[in-house]
């Protein structure tokens, strides 16, 4: 049975690149970008702990994702951002394919996923993304790409935005902020 569908989050979260997030406390503007690969790895480890939790399938409210659903979403976030990073490093000013996270959640049946499988897939996607960011050097940090809505990212701001998304969702499931914000 399909659970209640959360209200679509269609907010533009790019503001987190300019100021700390009041919800999760992550401070993307002050993040040392050299920490991005380590924070991607640390968040993957934290998601493994979430996936081993006894209430991994429990939704705190009918329209709020369970920890399993958030982890499945973050698995896909690692994958999408790894792809976007690769595009930015390989192409000049690529436009990213639109991604509807809510449609993806339904199509992939996040609520019905196997926690161990999600964990394995999340680890694999996190390793690729962390390795990609670890390989960025010099003026590669300034390469640009854009979303379909016109938001422009550099590799640097993409990494900061990416880490915020993962940290914010760990906050959503009750885990504290990773490392220094």
Protein backbone atom coordinates (compact mmCIF):
# COMPACT_ATOMS: atom_id res chain seq x y z
CA UNK A 1 0.00 0.00 0.00
CA UNK A 2 1.29 3.44 -0.91
CA UNK A 3 1.62 5.60 2.21
CA UNK A 4 0.36 9.18 2.36
CA UNK A 5 2.38 11.37 0.05
CA UNK A 6 4.23 14.26 1.72
CA UNK A 7 3.60 17.71 0.35
CA UNK A 8 6.02 18.42 -2.49
CA UNK A 9 9.06 20.44 -1.44
CA UNK A 10 9.37 22.91 -4.28
CA UNK A 11 11.34 25.53 -2.34
CA UNK A 12 14.56 26.85 -3.78
CA UNK A 13 17.12 25.91 -1.12
CA UNK A 14 20.03 27.71 -2.79
CA UNK A 15 19.81 30.38 -0.05
CA UNK A 16 21.81 27.96 2.16
CA UNK A 17 24.84 28.98 0.13
CA UNK A 18 24.59 32.49 1.61
CA UNK A 19 23.74 31.85 5.27
CA UNK A 20 23.53 29.06 7.85
CA UNK A 21 20.45 26.86 7.82
CA UNK A 22 18.30 27.75 10.84
CA UNK A 23 16.81 24.23 10.91
CA UNK A 24 19.86 21.98 10.87
CA UNK A 25 22.55 24.53 11.77
CA UNK A 26 24.79 23.71 8.81
CA UNK A 27 26.87 26.71 7.72
CA UNK A 28 27.71 26.15 4.05
CA UNK A 29 29.35 29.57 3.55
CA UNK A 30 32.01 28.89 6.19
CA UNK A 31 32.68 25.27 5.18
CA UNK A 32 36.28 24.59 4.15
CA UNK A 33 35.69 22.96 0.77
CA UNK A 34 38.60 20.60 1.40
CA UNK A 35 36.28 18.94 3.96
CA UNK A 36 33.59 18.09 1.39
CA UNK A 37 34.87 14.55 0.58
CA UNK A 38 35.24 13.69 4.28
CA UNK A 39 31.78 15.03 5.10
CA UNK A 40 30.29 12.97 2.27
CA UNK A 41 31.95 9.89 3.74
CA UNK A 42 30.92 10.77 7.31
CA UNK A 43 27.33 11.26 6.29
CA UNK A 44 27.30 7.87 4.56
CA UNK A 45 28.50 6.27 7.80
CA UNK A 46 25.77 8.08 9.71
CA UNK A 47 23.14 6.84 7.24
CA UNK A 48 24.31 3.26 7.86
CA UNK A 49 23.55 3.72 11.56
CA UNK A 50 20.13 5.13 10.67
CA UNK A 51 19.38 2.12 8.47
CA UNK A 52 20.17 -0.27 11.35
CA UNK A 53 17.69 1.47 13.64
CA UNK A 54 14.74 -0.47 15.03
CA UNK A 55 12.16 2.02 13.72
CA UNK A 56 13.68 2.49 10.28
CA UNK A 57 10.29 2.07 8.57
CA UNK A 58 8.30 4.15 11.06
CA UNK A 59 6.93 7.46 9.87
CA UNK A 60 6.71 10.03 12.67
CA UNK A 61 3.61 11.43 10.95
CA UNK A 62 1.60 10.19 7.95
CA UNK A 63 3.14 12.70 5.55
CA UNK A 64 6.70 12.68 6.94
CA UNK A 65 9.16 10.20 5.49
CA UNK A 66 10.52 7.37 7.62
CA UNK A 67 14.27 7.14 8.20
CA UNK A 68 14.36 4.48 5.47
CA UNK A 69 12.71 6.82 2.99
CA UNK A 70 15.12 9.63 3.86
CA UNK A 71 18.06 7.23 3.43
CA UNK A 72 16.76 6.07 0.04
CA UNK A 73 16.40 9.71 -0.98
CA UNK A 74 19.97 10.45 0.16
CA UNK A 75 21.24 7.44 -1.80
CA UNK A 76 19.74 9.10 -4.88
CA UNK A 77 21.13 12.50 -3.85
CA UNK A 78 24.67 11.02 -3.75
CA UNK A 79 24.12 9.55 -7.20
CA UNK A 80 22.61 12.70 -8.76
CA UNK A 81 25.29 15.00 -7.35
CA UNK A 82 28.05 12.62 -8.40
CA UNK A 83 26.67 12.76 -11.94
CA UNK A 84 26.36 16.54 -11.82
CA UNK A 85 29.94 16.91 -10.59
CA UNK A 86 31.21 14.70 -13.41
CA UNK A 87 29.27 16.76 -15.96
CA UNK A 88 30.72 19.99 -14.60
CA UNK A 89 34.26 18.63 -14.81
CA UNK A 90 33.81 17.16 -18.31
CA UNK A 91 31.64 19.79 -20.05
CA UNK A 92 31.50 23.55 -20.22
CA UNK A 93 28.45 24.92 -18.42
CA UNK A 94 26.24 21.81 -18.57
CA UNK A 95 22.54 22.03 -17.82
CA UNK A 96 21.49 19.32 -15.40
CA UNK A 97 18.54 17.09 -16.14
CA UNK A 98 15.57 17.98 -13.97
CA UNK A 99 15.05 15.66 -11.04
CA UNK A 100 11.72 15.38 -9.27
CA UNK A 101 12.59 13.85 -5.91
CA UNK A 102 8.94 13.27 -5.01
CA UNK A 103 8.20 11.36 -8.21
CA UNK A 104 11.38 9.34 -7.69
CA UNK A 105 10.28 8.42 -4.15
CA UNK A 106 7.02 7.03 -5.50
CA UNK A 107 8.52 5.32 -8.54
CA UNK A 108 11.23 3.63 -6.48
CA UNK A 109 8.82 2.85 -3.62
CA UNK A 110 11.19 4.22 -0.98
CA UNK A 111 8.93 3.02 1.85
CA UNK A 112 9.13 -0.56 0.57
CA UNK A 113 12.92 -0.67 0.13
CA UNK A 114 15.21 -3.15 1.82
CA UNK A 115 17.36 -1.24 4.34
CA UNK A 116 20.45 -3.38 3.65
CA UNK A 117 20.16 -2.82 -0.10
CA UNK A 118 19.67 0.91 0.38
CA UNK A 119 22.76 0.91 2.63
CA UNK A 120 24.90 -0.87 0.05
CA UNK A 121 23.74 1.39 -2.77
CA UNK A 122 24.17 4.51 -0.62
CA UNK A 123 27.74 3.51 0.28
CA UNK A 124 28.62 2.90 -3.38
CA UNK A 125 27.16 6.22 -4.54
CA UNK A 126 28.80 8.08 -1.62
CA UNK A 127 32.20 6.60 -2.45
CA UNK A 128 31.92 7.75 -6.07
CA UNK A 129 30.83 11.26 -5.08
CA UNK A 130 33.47 11.62 -2.36
CA UNK A 131 36.18 10.42 -4.75
CA UNK A 132 34.98 12.87 -7.38
CA UNK A 133 35.18 15.81 -4.99
CA UNK A 134 38.53 14.62 -3.64
CA UNK A 135 39.90 14.85 -7.18
CA UNK A 136 38.90 18.49 -7.71
CA UNK A 137 41.87 20.85 -7.81
CA UNK A 138 42.68 24.48 -8.52
CA UNK A 139 40.37 26.34 -10.84
CA UNK A 140 38.18 23.25 -11.34
CA UNK A 141 36.35 24.51 -8.24
CA UNK A 142 35.14 27.44 -10.37
CA UNK A 143 33.67 25.38 -13.22
CA UNK A 144 29.94 25.98 -13.62
CA UNK A 145 26.75 24.07 -14.31
CA UNK A 146 23.08 24.96 -14.02
CA UNK A 147 19.79 23.46 -13.04
CA UNK A 148 16.77 23.60 -15.29
CA UNK A 149 15.38 26.48 -13.23
CA UNK A 150 18.44 28.56 -14.06
CA UNK A 151 20.26 28.27 -10.71
CA UNK A 152 23.99 28.40 -11.45
CA UNK A 153 26.46 26.42 -9.37
CA UNK A 154 30.20 26.24 -9.33
CA UNK A 155 31.80 22.95 -8.33
CA UNK A 156 32.48 24.65 -4.99
CA UNK A 157 28.88 25.72 -4.38
CA UNK A 158 27.53 22.40 -5.68
CA UNK A 159 29.61 20.62 -3.04
CA UNK A 160 28.43 22.91 -0.26
CA UNK A 161 24.79 22.57 -1.35
CA UNK A 162 25.19 18.78 -1.58
CA UNK A 163 26.65 18.44 1.92
CA UNK A 164 23.86 20.62 3.33
CA UNK A 165 21.22 18.36 1.80
CA UNK A 166 22.71 15.27 3.42
CA UNK A 167 23.27 16.93 6.80
CA UNK A 168 19.78 18.44 6.75
CA UNK A 169 18.19 15.03 6.19
CA UNK A 170 20.26 13.51 8.99
CA UNK A 171 18.82 16.29 11.14
CA UNK A 172 15.35 15.33 9.88
CA UNK A 173 15.83 11.84 11.34
CA UNK A 174 17.23 13.15 14.63
CA UNK A 175 21.00 12.94 14.18
CA UNK A 176 23.27 15.84 15.15
CA UNK A 177 25.27 18.03 12.81
CA UNK A 178 28.32 16.37 11.27
CA UNK A 179 31.71 17.88 11.97
CA UNK A 180 32.15 21.63 12.00
CA UNK A 181 29.38 23.36 10.03
